[in-house]
Amino acid sequence: MHTEDTPPGYYGTRDVARALGIKPASVRLIVHRGQLRRTAGTERHPLYAAEDVAALLAKRTERSAA
């Protein structure tokens, strides 16, 4: 799921979007709402911690199953 230039333990915006089944623009909205935070990278190319993405995915899966 990682691109070659993404360090281990992190996901880029496209990777997060793919994992959550949403568009990259929606990832930016999730960040803006405080549901996910940037942990590395640059303003233009943010990176997100894998554990934060996994927690968000679990939360969304749990919510959709309920």
Protein backbone atom coordinates (compact mmCIF):
# COMPACT_ATOMS: atom_id res chain seq x y z
CA MET A 1 0.00 0.00 0.00
CA HIS A 2 2.97 2.30 0.48
CA THR A 3 4.54 4.18 -2.36
CA GLU A 4 8.28 3.77 -2.70
CA ASP A 5 9.13 7.19 -1.25
CA THR A 6 6.89 6.83 1.82
CA PRO A 7 8.82 5.76 4.94
CA PRO A 8 7.71 2.59 6.73
CA GLY A 9 4.96 3.19 9.27
CA TYR A 10 3.39 6.06 7.33
CA TYR A 11 0.80 6.50 4.61
CA GLY A 12 0.42 9.25 2.06
CA THR A 13 -2.93 10.86 1.26
CA ARG A 14 -3.62 8.52 -1.66
CA ASP A 15 -2.81 5.48 0.46
CA VAL A 16 -5.18 6.63 3.20
CA ALA A 17 -7.91 7.33 0.66
CA ARG A 18 -7.49 3.87 -0.84
CA ALA A 19 -7.56 2.19 2.58
CA LEU A 20 -10.73 4.04 3.62
CA GLY A 21 -12.41 3.76 0.22
CA ILE A 22 -12.73 7.52 -0.21
CA LYS A 23 -11.28 10.24 -2.43
CA PRO A 24 -8.08 12.12 -1.50
CA ALA A 25 -10.13 15.32 -1.06
CA SER A 26 -12.15 13.51 1.61
CA VAL A 27 -8.94 12.70 3.50
CA ARG A 28 -8.26 16.42 3.70
CA LEU A 29 -11.75 16.94 5.13
CA ILE A 30 -11.16 14.23 7.74
CA VAL A 31 -7.94 16.00 8.74
CA HIS A 32 -9.71 19.36 8.87
CA ARG A 33 -12.39 17.85 11.17
CA GLY A 34 -9.71 16.51 13.50
CA GLN A 35 -10.44 12.82 12.92
CA LEU A 36 -6.93 12.21 11.58
CA ARG A 37 -3.78 14.23 11.99
CA ARG A 38 -0.68 14.69 9.91
CA THR A 39 2.36 13.29 11.67
CA ALA A 40 5.14 13.83 9.11
CA GLY A 41 5.86 14.99 5.60
CA THR A 42 5.29 18.48 4.27
CA GLU A 43 2.27 20.72 3.93
CA ARG A 44 1.96 19.71 0.29
CA HIS A 45 2.73 16.01 0.86
CA PRO A 46 1.55 15.08 4.36
CA LEU A 47 2.11 11.68 5.90
CA TYR A 48 -0.13 9.92 8.38
CA ALA A 49 0.93 7.35 11.00
CA ALA A 50 -0.14 3.81 10.11
CA GLU A 51 -1.60 3.22 13.58
CA ASP A 52 -3.76 6.36 13.30
CA VAL A 53 -5.07 5.20 9.92
CA ALA A 54 -5.76 1.71 11.29
CA ALA A 55 -7.64 3.19 14.28
CA LEU A 56 -9.75 5.38 12.00
CA LEU A 57 -10.49 2.44 9.71
CA ALA A 58 -11.53 0.30 12.69
CA LYS A 59 -13.77 3.08 14.00
CA ARG A 60 -15.43 3.53 10.59
CA THR A 61 -15.88 -0.24 10.18
CA GLU A 62 -17.40 -0.52 13.65
CA ARG A 63 -19.76 2.37 12.96
CA SER A 64 -20.94 0.89 9.64
CA ALA A 65 -21.52 -2.54 11.24
CA ALA A 66 -23.73 -1.09 13.97
